[in-house]
Amino acid sequence: MNKKRGIILGAALLVFLLIGASSAGWFDFLGDDASADTDDNTLVVGFDAEFPPYGYNDDNGEYVGFDLDLAQEVCDRNGWTLVKQPIDWDAKDSELDSGSIDCIWNGFTINGREDEYTWSEPYIDNKQVIVVKTDSGIDSLDDLEGKIVETQKDSSALAALQGDQKDLADTFDSLTEIADYNTAFMDLESGACDAVAIDIGVAQYQISQKGSDQYKILDEEISSEQYGVGFKKGNEELRDQIQATLDEMFEDGTVEKIAQNYDEFGVPGSLITK
């Protein structure tokens, strides 16, 4: 009799704990995952929040930028809700692989990554350049010999300086990887580094904000590249739907119209027209 009573009490306690756990939301993650997997009306875009003019946090604390504007228009035309998800650029692959984001859309370079993602067609021609202080005495790439150069981790500029431009990088005193370009420009301003290797659009934005008389872009570029939207390998369905919408936006002039909002950074001139 005592054994049966113990079993009954144990079963009742288990039911109580399960009900309590459900009420407390302990199992909410099951429902959240199911919802995330089947929610076809939300597009989660991963981006670097410190990569203007393509994606950044403005003075009002809002996430804005050329690429985010494109993503918003794509969502509006498809009846989707856009979720702007700032990410650590170093963690972009794990974010994409885990499903935390649907795509990477933020001045994302195709070149050298062709086989790592499913890509949209390229929509921006970009180049990597060197920024120095105007009074630095550095006027060419040759003048970087013995200098301290900074660039962002896992950036196209870093890839260029570790690849085709390795001979140039070998002449530097050091090539330092930093988390973001805001930090690089602070280091440049303080004298902690002599030059920054950077995307030209980001360079133009930073210079426009900090004063065009203080910094200059060297005439010689270190590499050229193309931007695209990166999706998890094999996700052709989402890529094709977004590509079709982007094609419509190019054809009706919407992409160029959005780009005009960023013309001071050179975006319109580098659009790949169709």
C-alpha atoms as a PDB file:
ATOM      1  CA  MET A   1       0.000   0.000   0.000  1.00  0.00           C
ATOM      2  CA  ASN A   2       2.806   2.449   0.893  1.00  0.00           C
ATOM      3  CA  LYS A   3       4.614   1.626  -2.355  1.00  0.00           C
ATOM      4  CA  LYS A   4       1.504   2.353  -4.445  1.00  0.00           C
ATOM      5  CA  ARG A   5       0.879   5.562  -2.555  1.00  0.00           C
ATOM      6  CA  GLY A   6       4.469   6.656  -3.232  1.00  0.00           C
ATOM      7  CA  ILE A   7       4.104   6.007  -6.962  1.00  0.00           C
ATOM      8  CA  ILE A   8       0.857   8.013  -7.089  1.00  0.00           C
ATOM      9  CA  LEU A   9       2.377  10.904  -5.172  1.00  0.00           C
ATOM     10  CA  GLY A  10       5.461  10.834  -7.370  1.00  0.00           C
ATOM     11  CA  ALA A  11       3.388  10.936 -10.532  1.00  0.00           C
ATOM     12  CA  ALA A  12       1.311  13.808  -9.168  1.00  0.00           C
ATOM     13  CA  LEU A  13       4.474  15.721  -8.285  1.00  0.00           C
ATOM     14  CA  LEU A  14       5.868  15.191 -11.786  1.00  0.00           C
ATOM     15  CA  VAL A  15       2.680  16.517 -13.369  1.00  0.00           C
ATOM     16  CA  PHE A  16       2.783  19.533 -11.050  1.00  0.00           C
ATOM     17  CA  LEU A  17       6.388  20.278 -11.965  1.00  0.00           C
ATOM     18  CA  LEU A  18       5.681  19.972 -15.694  1.00  0.00           C
ATOM     19  CA  ILE A  19       2.700  22.322 -15.464  1.00  0.00           C
ATOM     20  CA  GLY A  20       4.744  24.784 -13.431  1.00  0.00           C
ATOM     21  CA  ALA A  21       7.631  24.644 -15.862  1.00  0.00           C
ATOM     22  CA  SER A  22       5.289  25.320 -18.757  1.00  0.00           C
ATOM     23  CA  SER A  23       3.699  28.254 -16.965  1.00  0.00           C
ATOM     24  CA  ALA A  24       7.110  29.677 -16.135  1.00  0.00           C
ATOM     25  CA  GLY A  25       8.092  29.529 -19.803  1.00  0.00           C
ATOM     26  CA  TRP A  26      10.814  26.890 -19.371  1.00  0.00           C
ATOM     27  CA  PHE A  27       9.739  25.182 -22.570  1.00  0.00           C
ATOM     28  CA  ASP A  28       9.061  28.353 -24.558  1.00  0.00           C
ATOM     29  CA  PHE A  29      12.188  27.752 -26.550  1.00  0.00           C
ATOM     30  CA  LEU A  30      10.507  24.792 -28.235  1.00  0.00           C
ATOM     31  CA  GLY A  31       7.700  26.969 -29.523  1.00  0.00           C
ATOM     32  CA  ASP A  32      10.103  29.777 -30.459  1.00  0.00           C
ATOM     33  CA  ASP A  33      12.231  27.463 -32.581  1.00  0.00           C
ATOM     34  CA  ALA A  34       9.213  26.056 -34.340  1.00  0.00           C
ATOM     35  CA  SER A  35       7.926  29.554 -35.019  1.00  0.00           C
ATOM     36  CA  ALA A  36      11.314  30.748 -36.300  1.00  0.00           C
ATOM     37  CA  ASP A  37      11.571  27.771 -38.649  1.00  0.00           C
ATOM     38  CA  THR A  38       8.141  28.328 -40.196  1.00  0.00           C
ATOM     39  CA  ASP A  39       7.941  32.121 -40.184  1.00  0.00           C
ATOM     40  CA  ASP A  40       8.074  33.011 -43.856  1.00  0.00           C
ATOM     41  CA  ASN A  41       7.049  36.620 -43.214  1.00  0.00           C
ATOM     42  CA  THR A  42      10.183  37.772 -41.385  1.00  0.00           C
ATOM     43  CA  LEU A  43      13.606  38.467 -42.872  1.00  0.00           C
ATOM     44  CA  VAL A  44      16.436  38.654 -40.318  1.00  0.00           C
ATOM     45  CA  VAL A  45      19.366  40.539 -41.835  1.00  0.00           C
ATOM     46  CA  GLY A  46      22.746  40.262 -40.150  1.00  0.00           C
ATOM     47  CA  PHE A  47      24.968  43.334 -40.423  1.00  0.00           C
ATOM     48  CA  ASP A  48      27.929  45.121 -38.859  1.00  0.00           C
ATOM     49  CA  ALA A  49      26.455  48.107 -37.011  1.00  0.00           C
ATOM     50  CA  GLU A  50      29.714  50.031 -37.414  1.00  0.00           C
ATOM     51  CA  PHE A  51      30.067  49.852 -41.188  1.00  0.00           C
ATOM     52  CA  PRO A  52      28.662  53.103 -42.589  1.00  0.00           C
ATOM     53  CA  PRO A  53      27.181  53.959 -45.006  1.00  0.00           C
ATOM     54  CA  TYR A  54      25.970  50.390 -45.566  1.00  0.00           C
ATOM     55  CA  GLY A  55      24.792  49.707 -42.018  1.00  0.00           C
ATOM     56  CA  TYR A  56      25.307  51.720 -38.851  1.00  0.00           C
ATOM     57  CA  ASN A  57      23.743  53.267 -35.745  1.00  0.00           C
ATOM     58  CA  ASP A  58      22.820  56.909 -36.390  1.00  0.00           C
ATOM     59  CA  ASP A  59      22.647  59.833 -33.956  1.00  0.00           C
ATOM     60  CA  ASN A  60      19.076  58.871 -33.024  1.00  0.00           C
ATOM     61  CA  GLY A  61      20.082  55.355 -32.100  1.00  0.00           C
ATOM     62  CA  GLU A  62      18.427  53.890 -35.199  1.00  0.00           C
ATOM     63  CA  TYR A  63      20.006  51.291 -37.451  1.00  0.00           C
ATOM     64  CA  VAL A  64      20.236  52.817 -40.911  1.00  0.00           C
ATOM     65  CA  GLY A  65      22.289  52.548 -44.080  1.00  0.00           C
ATOM     66  CA  PHE A  66      22.200  51.907 -47.803  1.00  0.00           C
ATOM     67  CA  ASP A  67      22.036  48.111 -47.519  1.00  0.00           C
ATOM     68  CA  LEU A  68      19.416  48.251 -44.774  1.00  0.00           C
ATOM     69  CA  ASP A  69      17.320  50.575 -46.945  1.00  0.00           C
ATOM     70  CA  LEU A  70      17.537  48.064 -49.786  1.00  0.00           C
ATOM     71  CA  ALA A  71      16.532  45.253 -47.424  1.00  0.00           C
ATOM     72  CA  GLN A  72      13.584  47.285 -46.139  1.00  0.00           C
ATOM     73  CA  GLU A  73      12.298  47.890 -49.664  1.00  0.00           C
ATOM     74  CA  VAL A  74      12.649  44.193 -50.498  1.00  0.00           C
ATOM     75  CA  CYS A  75      10.644  43.325 -47.386  1.00  0.00           C
ATOM     76  CA  ASP A  76       7.959  45.921 -48.157  1.00  0.00           C
ATOM     77  CA  ARG A  77       7.461  44.500 -51.631  1.00  0.00           C
ATOM     78  CA  ASN A  78       7.177  40.935 -50.332  1.00  0.00           C
ATOM     79  CA  GLY A  79       5.000  41.699 -47.320  1.00  0.00           C
ATOM     80  CA  TRP A  80       7.765  40.705 -44.906  1.00  0.00           C
ATOM     81  CA  THR A  81       8.859  42.207 -41.605  1.00  0.00           C
ATOM     82  CA  LEU A  82      12.514  43.252 -41.577  1.00  0.00           C
ATOM     83  CA  VAL A  83      14.547  42.444 -38.468  1.00  0.00           C
ATOM     84  CA  LYS A  84      17.853  44.333 -38.435  1.00  0.00           C
ATOM     85  CA  GLN A  85      20.214  42.132 -36.447  1.00  0.00           C
ATOM     86  CA  PRO A  86      23.613  43.646 -35.599  1.00  0.00           C
ATOM     87  CA  ILE A  87      26.259  40.947 -35.316  1.00  0.00           C
ATOM     88  CA  ASP A  88      29.886  40.526 -34.357  1.00  0.00           C
ATOM     89  CA  TRP A  89      31.534  40.329 -37.776  1.00  0.00           C
ATOM     90  CA  ASP A  90      33.820  37.543 -36.565  1.00  0.00           C
ATOM     91  CA  ALA A  91      30.735  35.476 -35.681  1.00  0.00           C
ATOM     92  CA  LYS A  92      28.829  36.001 -38.925  1.00  0.00           C
ATOM     93  CA  ASP A  93      29.270  32.423 -40.144  1.00  0.00           C
ATOM     94  CA  SER A  94      28.032  30.859 -36.908  1.00  0.00           C
ATOM     95  CA  GLU A  95      25.070  33.263 -36.877  1.00  0.00           C
ATOM     96  CA  LEU A  96      24.156  32.237 -40.419  1.00  0.00           C
ATOM     97  CA  ASP A  97      24.729  28.508 -39.873  1.00  0.00           C
ATOM     98  CA  SER A  98      22.653  28.471 -36.682  1.00  0.00           C
ATOM     99  CA  GLY A  99      19.705  30.185 -38.372  1.00  0.00           C
ATOM    100  CA  SER A 100      19.895  33.248 -36.116  1.00  0.00           C
ATOM    101  CA  ILE A 101      20.001  35.340 -39.285  1.00  0.00           C
ATOM    102  CA  ASP A 102      18.676  34.667 -42.787  1.00  0.00           C
ATOM    103  CA  CYS A 103      21.398  36.475 -44.693  1.00  0.00           C
ATOM    104  CA  ILE A 104      24.402  38.767 -44.395  1.00  0.00           C
ATOM    105  CA  TRP A 105      23.670  42.076 -46.080  1.00  0.00           C
ATOM    106  CA  ASN A 106      26.210  44.737 -45.228  1.00  0.00           C
ATOM    107  CA  GLY A 107      28.910  45.595 -47.713  1.00  0.00           C
ATOM    108  CA  PHE A 108      29.665  41.881 -47.920  1.00  0.00           C
ATOM    109  CA  THR A 109      32.443  40.999 -50.358  1.00  0.00           C
ATOM    110  CA  ILE A 110      31.896  38.112 -52.772  1.00  0.00           C
ATOM    111  CA  ASN A 111      35.465  37.860 -54.059  1.00  0.00           C
ATOM    112  CA  GLY A 112      37.395  35.086 -52.360  1.00  0.00           C
ATOM    113  CA  ARG A 113      34.226  33.763 -50.726  1.00  0.00           C
ATOM    114  CA  GLU A 114      32.441  32.520 -53.841  1.00  0.00           C
ATOM    115  CA  ASP A 115      32.145  28.911 -52.633  1.00  0.00           C
ATOM    116  CA  GLU A 116      31.401  29.645 -48.974  1.00  0.00           C
ATOM    117  CA  TYR A 117      27.878  31.074 -49.388  1.00  0.00           C
ATOM    118  CA  THR A 118      24.957  31.159 -51.765  1.00  0.00           C
ATOM    119  CA  TRP A 119      25.184  34.642 -53.267  1.00  0.00           C
ATOM    120  CA  SER A 120      22.939  37.197 -54.857  1.00  0.00           C
ATOM    121  CA  GLU A 121      24.228  38.846 -57.987  1.00  0.00           C
ATOM    122  CA  PRO A 122      26.774  41.588 -57.218  1.00  0.00           C
ATOM    123  CA  TYR A 123      25.245  45.047 -56.886  1.00  0.00           C
ATOM    124  CA  ILE A 124      28.190  47.247 -55.846  1.00  0.00           C
ATOM    125  CA  ASP A 125      31.693  47.644 -57.246  1.00  0.00           C
ATOM    126  CA  ASN A 126      33.934  48.493 -54.305  1.00  0.00           C
ATOM    127  CA  LYS A 127      37.620  48.975 -53.620  1.00  0.00           C
ATOM    128  CA  GLN A 128      39.965  48.895 -50.660  1.00  0.00           C
ATOM    129  CA  VAL A 129      42.045  51.985 -49.936  1.00  0.00           C
ATOM    130  CA  ILE A 130      44.436  53.479 -47.406  1.00  0.00           C
ATOM    131  CA  VAL A 131      43.484  56.453 -45.213  1.00  0.00           C
ATOM    132  CA  VAL A 132      46.122  58.591 -43.498  1.00  0.00           C
ATOM    133  CA  LYS A 133      46.281  61.965 -41.791  1.00  0.00           C
ATOM    134  CA  THR A 134      46.622  64.817 -44.248  1.00  0.00           C
ATOM    135  CA  ASP A 135      49.844  66.030 -42.615  1.00  0.00           C
ATOM    136  CA  SER A 136      51.336  62.541 -42.192  1.00  0.00           C
ATOM    137  CA  GLY A 137      53.792  62.842 -45.073  1.00  0.00           C
ATOM    138  CA  ILE A 138      52.411  59.590 -46.482  1.00  0.00           C
ATOM    139  CA  ASP A 139      51.488  60.122 -50.117  1.00  0.00           C
ATOM    140  CA  SER A 140      51.813  56.665 -51.684  1.00  0.00           C
ATOM    141  CA  LEU A 141      51.784  52.986 -50.788  1.00  0.00           C
ATOM    142  CA  ASP A 142      55.582  53.003 -50.806  1.00  0.00           C
ATOM    143  CA  ASP A 143      55.502  55.549 -47.973  1.00  0.00           C
ATOM    144  CA  LEU A 144      53.844  52.948 -45.714  1.00  0.00           C
ATOM    145  CA  GLU A 145      57.179  51.198 -45.223  1.00  0.00           C
ATOM    146  CA  GLY A 146      57.899  50.961 -41.509  1.00  0.00           C
ATOM    147  CA  LYS A 147      54.438  52.275 -40.588  1.00  0.00           C
ATOM    148  CA  ILE A 148      51.752  50.873 -38.284  1.00  0.00           C
ATOM    149  CA  VAL A 149      48.651  49.977 -40.316  1.00  0.00           C
ATOM    150  CA  GLU A 150      45.288  48.895 -38.894  1.00  0.00           C
ATOM    151  CA  THR A 151      42.340  47.140 -40.488  1.00  0.00           C
ATOM    152  CA  GLN A 152      39.205  45.299 -39.381  1.00  0.00           C
ATOM    153  CA  LYS A 153      39.290  41.608 -38.523  1.00  0.00           C
ATOM    154  CA  ASP A 154      38.086  39.330 -41.317  1.00  0.00           C
ATOM    155  CA  SER A 155      37.777  42.305 -43.677  1.00  0.00           C
ATOM    156  CA  SER A 156      38.454  42.454 -47.400  1.00  0.00           C
ATOM    157  CA  ALA A 157      41.305  44.860 -46.756  1.00  0.00           C
ATOM    158  CA  LEU A 158      42.912  42.322 -44.430  1.00  0.00           C
ATOM    159  CA  ALA A 159      42.405  39.574 -47.028  1.00  0.00           C
ATOM    160  CA  ALA A 160      44.106  41.734 -49.660  1.00  0.00           C
ATOM    161  CA  LEU A 161      47.059  42.518 -47.405  1.00  0.00           C
ATOM    162  CA  GLN A 162      47.446  38.858 -46.520  1.00  0.00           C
ATOM    163  CA  GLY A 163      47.002  37.803 -50.157  1.00  0.00           C
ATOM    164  CA  ASP A 164      47.819  39.700 -53.341  1.00  0.00           C
ATOM    165  CA  GLN A 165      49.254  42.646 -51.405  1.00  0.00           C
ATOM    166  CA  LYS A 166      51.296  40.614 -48.901  1.00  0.00           C
ATOM    167  CA  ASP A 167      54.548  42.048 -50.288  1.00  0.00           C
ATOM    168  CA  LEU A 168      53.235  45.508 -49.441  1.00  0.00           C
ATOM    169  CA  ALA A 169      52.145  44.432 -45.951  1.00  0.00           C
ATOM    170  CA  ASP A 170      55.570  42.917 -45.312  1.00  0.00           C
ATOM    171  CA  THR A 171      57.046  46.420 -45.535  1.00  0.00           C
ATOM    172  CA  PHE A 172      54.870  47.670 -42.658  1.00  0.00           C
ATOM    173  CA  ASP A 173      56.157  47.872 -39.115  1.00  0.00           C
ATOM    174  CA  SER A 174      52.956  46.022 -38.214  1.00  0.00           C
ATOM    175  CA  LEU A 175      49.507  45.146 -39.556  1.00  0.00           C
ATOM    176  CA  THR A 176      47.059  45.211 -36.646  1.00  0.00           C
ATOM    177  CA  GLU A 177      43.563  43.706 -36.693  1.00  0.00           C
ATOM    178  CA  ILE A 178      40.931  45.668 -34.769  1.00  0.00           C
ATOM    179  CA  ALA A 179      37.252  45.011 -34.052  1.00  0.00           C
ATOM    180  CA  ASP A 180      35.789  47.949 -36.004  1.00  0.00           C
ATOM    181  CA  TYR A 181      36.741  50.980 -38.054  1.00  0.00           C
ATOM    182  CA  ASN A 182      35.578  53.485 -35.450  1.00  0.00           C
ATOM    183  CA  THR A 183      38.381  52.172 -33.255  1.00  0.00           C
ATOM    184  CA  ALA A 184      40.819  52.351 -36.163  1.00  0.00           C
ATOM    185  CA  PHE A 185      40.030  56.021 -36.781  1.00  0.00           C
ATOM    186  CA  MET A 186      40.415  56.819 -33.092  1.00  0.00           C
ATOM    187  CA  ASP A 187      43.823  55.169 -33.210  1.00  0.00           C
ATOM    188  CA  LEU A 188      44.693  57.118 -36.343  1.00  0.00           C
ATOM    189  CA  GLU A 189      43.645  60.372 -34.699  1.00  0.00           C
ATOM    190  CA  SER A 190      45.646  59.662 -31.525  1.00  0.00           C
ATOM    191  CA  GLY A 191      48.728  58.518 -33.407  1.00  0.00           C
ATOM    192  CA  ALA A 192      48.468  54.904 -32.238  1.00  0.00           C
ATOM    193  CA  CYS A 193      48.592  53.911 -35.905  1.00  0.00           C
ATOM    194  CA  ASP A 194      49.772  55.626 -39.082  1.00  0.00           C
ATOM    195  CA  ALA A 195      47.234  54.373 -41.606  1.00  0.00           C
ATOM    196  CA  VAL A 196      43.983  52.466 -41.960  1.00  0.00           C
ATOM    197  CA  ALA A 197      43.210  49.949 -44.714  1.00  0.00           C
ATOM    198  CA  ILE A 198      39.478  50.193 -45.369  1.00  0.00           C
ATOM    199  CA  ASP A 199      36.556  50.043 -47.833  1.00  0.00           C
ATOM    200  CA  ILE A 200      36.325  53.307 -49.754  1.00  0.00           C
ATOM    201  CA  GLY A 201      32.675  53.942 -48.881  1.00  0.00           C
ATOM    202  CA  VAL A 202      33.384  53.569 -45.168  1.00  0.00           C
ATOM    203  CA  ALA A 203      36.469  55.753 -45.555  1.00  0.00           C
ATOM    204  CA  GLN A 204      34.478  58.520 -47.262  1.00  0.00           C
ATOM    205  CA  TYR A 205      31.819  58.369 -44.561  1.00  0.00           C
ATOM    206  CA  GLN A 206      34.356  58.567 -41.722  1.00  0.00           C
ATOM    207  CA  ILE A 207      36.200  61.444 -43.359  1.00  0.00           C
ATOM    208  CA  SER A 208      32.946  63.353 -43.952  1.00  0.00           C
ATOM    209  CA  GLN A 209      32.084  63.006 -40.268  1.00  0.00           C
ATOM    210  CA  LYS A 210      35.500  63.875 -38.882  1.00  0.00           C
ATOM    211  CA  GLY A 211      36.561  66.645 -41.265  1.00  0.00           C
ATOM    212  CA  SER A 212      37.843  66.340 -44.799  1.00  0.00           C
ATOM    213  CA  ASP A 213      40.860  68.513 -44.014  1.00  0.00           C
ATOM    214  CA  GLN A 214      42.191  66.067 -41.415  1.00  0.00           C
ATOM    215  CA  TYR A 215      42.407  62.883 -43.480  1.00  0.00           C
ATOM    216  CA  LYS A 216      43.049  61.806 -47.044  1.00  0.00           C
ATOM    217  CA  ILE A 217      42.665  58.684 -49.149  1.00  0.00           C
ATOM    218  CA  LEU A 218      45.749  57.600 -51.066  1.00  0.00           C
ATOM    219  CA  ASP A 219      45.282  57.522 -54.828  1.00  0.00           C
ATOM    220  CA  GLU A 220      46.506  53.934 -55.171  1.00  0.00           C
ATOM    221  CA  GLU A 221      43.959  51.300 -54.212  1.00  0.00           C
ATOM    222  CA  ILE A 222      45.014  47.994 -52.679  1.00  0.00           C
ATOM    223  CA  SER A 223      42.230  45.875 -54.193  1.00  0.00           C
ATOM    224  CA  SER A 224      38.868  45.954 -55.921  1.00  0.00           C
ATOM    225  CA  GLU A 225      35.856  43.756 -55.252  1.00  0.00           C
ATOM    226  CA  GLN A 226      32.097  43.334 -55.527  1.00  0.00           C
ATOM    227  CA  TYR A 227      29.398  43.311 -52.865  1.00  0.00           C
ATOM    228  CA  GLY A 228      26.523  40.843 -52.708  1.00  0.00           C
ATOM    229  CA  VAL A 229      23.977  39.420 -50.287  1.00  0.00           C
ATOM    230  CA  GLY A 230      25.267  36.228 -48.680  1.00  0.00           C
ATOM    231  CA  PHE A 231      22.963  33.332 -47.745  1.00  0.00           C
ATOM    232  CA  LYS A 232      23.645  29.997 -46.096  1.00  0.00           C
ATOM    233  CA  LYS A 233      25.075  27.580 -48.639  1.00  0.00           C
ATOM    234  CA  GLY A 234      22.216  25.910 -50.477  1.00  0.00           C
ATOM    235  CA  ASN A 235      19.505  28.455 -49.626  1.00  0.00           C
ATOM    236  CA  GLU A 236      18.680  29.198 -53.248  1.00  0.00           C
ATOM    237  CA  GLU A 237      14.966  29.645 -52.587  1.00  0.00           C
ATOM    238  CA  LEU A 238      15.375  32.745 -50.426  1.00  0.00           C
ATOM    239  CA  ARG A 239      18.194  34.026 -52.633  1.00  0.00           C
ATOM    240  CA  ASP A 240      16.066  33.737 -55.751  1.00  0.00           C
ATOM    241  CA  GLN A 241      13.121  35.550 -54.179  1.00  0.00           C
ATOM    242  CA  ILE A 242      15.277  38.428 -52.965  1.00  0.00           C
ATOM    243  CA  GLN A 243      17.186  38.569 -56.253  1.00  0.00           C
ATOM    244  CA  ALA A 244      13.953  38.821 -58.231  1.00  0.00           C
ATOM    245  CA  THR A 245      12.838  41.736 -56.060  1.00  0.00           C
ATOM    246  CA  LEU A 246      16.204  43.470 -56.371  1.00  0.00           C
ATOM    247  CA  ASP A 247      16.011  43.091 -60.154  1.00  0.00           C
ATOM    248  CA  GLU A 248      12.632  44.855 -60.100  1.00  0.00           C
ATOM    249  CA  MET A 249      14.107  47.617 -57.952  1.00  0.00           C
ATOM    250  CA  PHE A 250      16.980  48.130 -60.365  1.00  0.00           C
ATOM    251  CA  GLU A 251      14.626  48.208 -63.347  1.00  0.00           C
ATOM    252  CA  ASP A 252      12.225  50.755 -61.875  1.00  0.00           C
ATOM    253  CA  GLY A 253      15.009  53.015 -60.582  1.00  0.00           C
ATOM    254  CA  THR A 254      14.407  52.400 -56.862  1.00  0.00           C
ATOM    255  CA  VAL A 255      17.974  51.224 -56.150  1.00  0.00           C
ATOM    256  CA  GLU A 256      19.469  54.333 -57.714  1.00  0.00           C
ATOM    257  CA  LYS A 257      16.976  56.518 -55.844  1.00  0.00           C
ATOM    258  CA  ILE A 258      17.991  54.953 -52.521  1.00  0.00           C
ATOM    259  CA  ALA A 259      21.653  55.321 -53.455  1.00  0.00           C
ATOM    260  CA  GLN A 260      21.204  59.061 -53.989  1.00  0.00           C
ATOM    261  CA  ASN A 261      20.646  59.402 -50.249  1.00  0.00           C
ATOM    262  CA  TYR A 262      24.262  58.324 -49.841  1.00  0.00           C
ATOM    263  CA  ASP A 263      25.843  60.057 -52.825  1.00  0.00           C
ATOM    264  CA  GLU A 264      28.333  61.930 -50.642  1.00  0.00           C
ATOM    265  CA  PHE A 265      29.913  58.533 -49.931  1.00  0.00           C
ATOM    266  CA  GLY A 266      30.216  57.554 -53.567  1.00  0.00           C
ATOM    267  CA  VAL A 267      27.575  54.814 -53.487  1.00  0.00           C
ATOM    268  CA  PRO A 268      25.668  55.752 -56.678  1.00  0.00           C
ATOM    269  CA  GLY A 269      28.793  55.901 -58.806  1.00  0.00           C
ATOM    270  CA  SER A 270      29.726  52.354 -57.800  1.00  0.00           C
ATOM    271  CA  LEU A 271      26.341  50.731 -58.408  1.00  0.00           C
ATOM    272  CA  ILE A 272      26.431  47.827 -60.866  1.00  0.00           C
ATOM    273  CA  THR A 273      23.755  48.755 -63.376  1.00  0.00           C
ATOM    274  CA  LYS A 274      21.753  46.084 -65.160  1.00  0.00           C
END
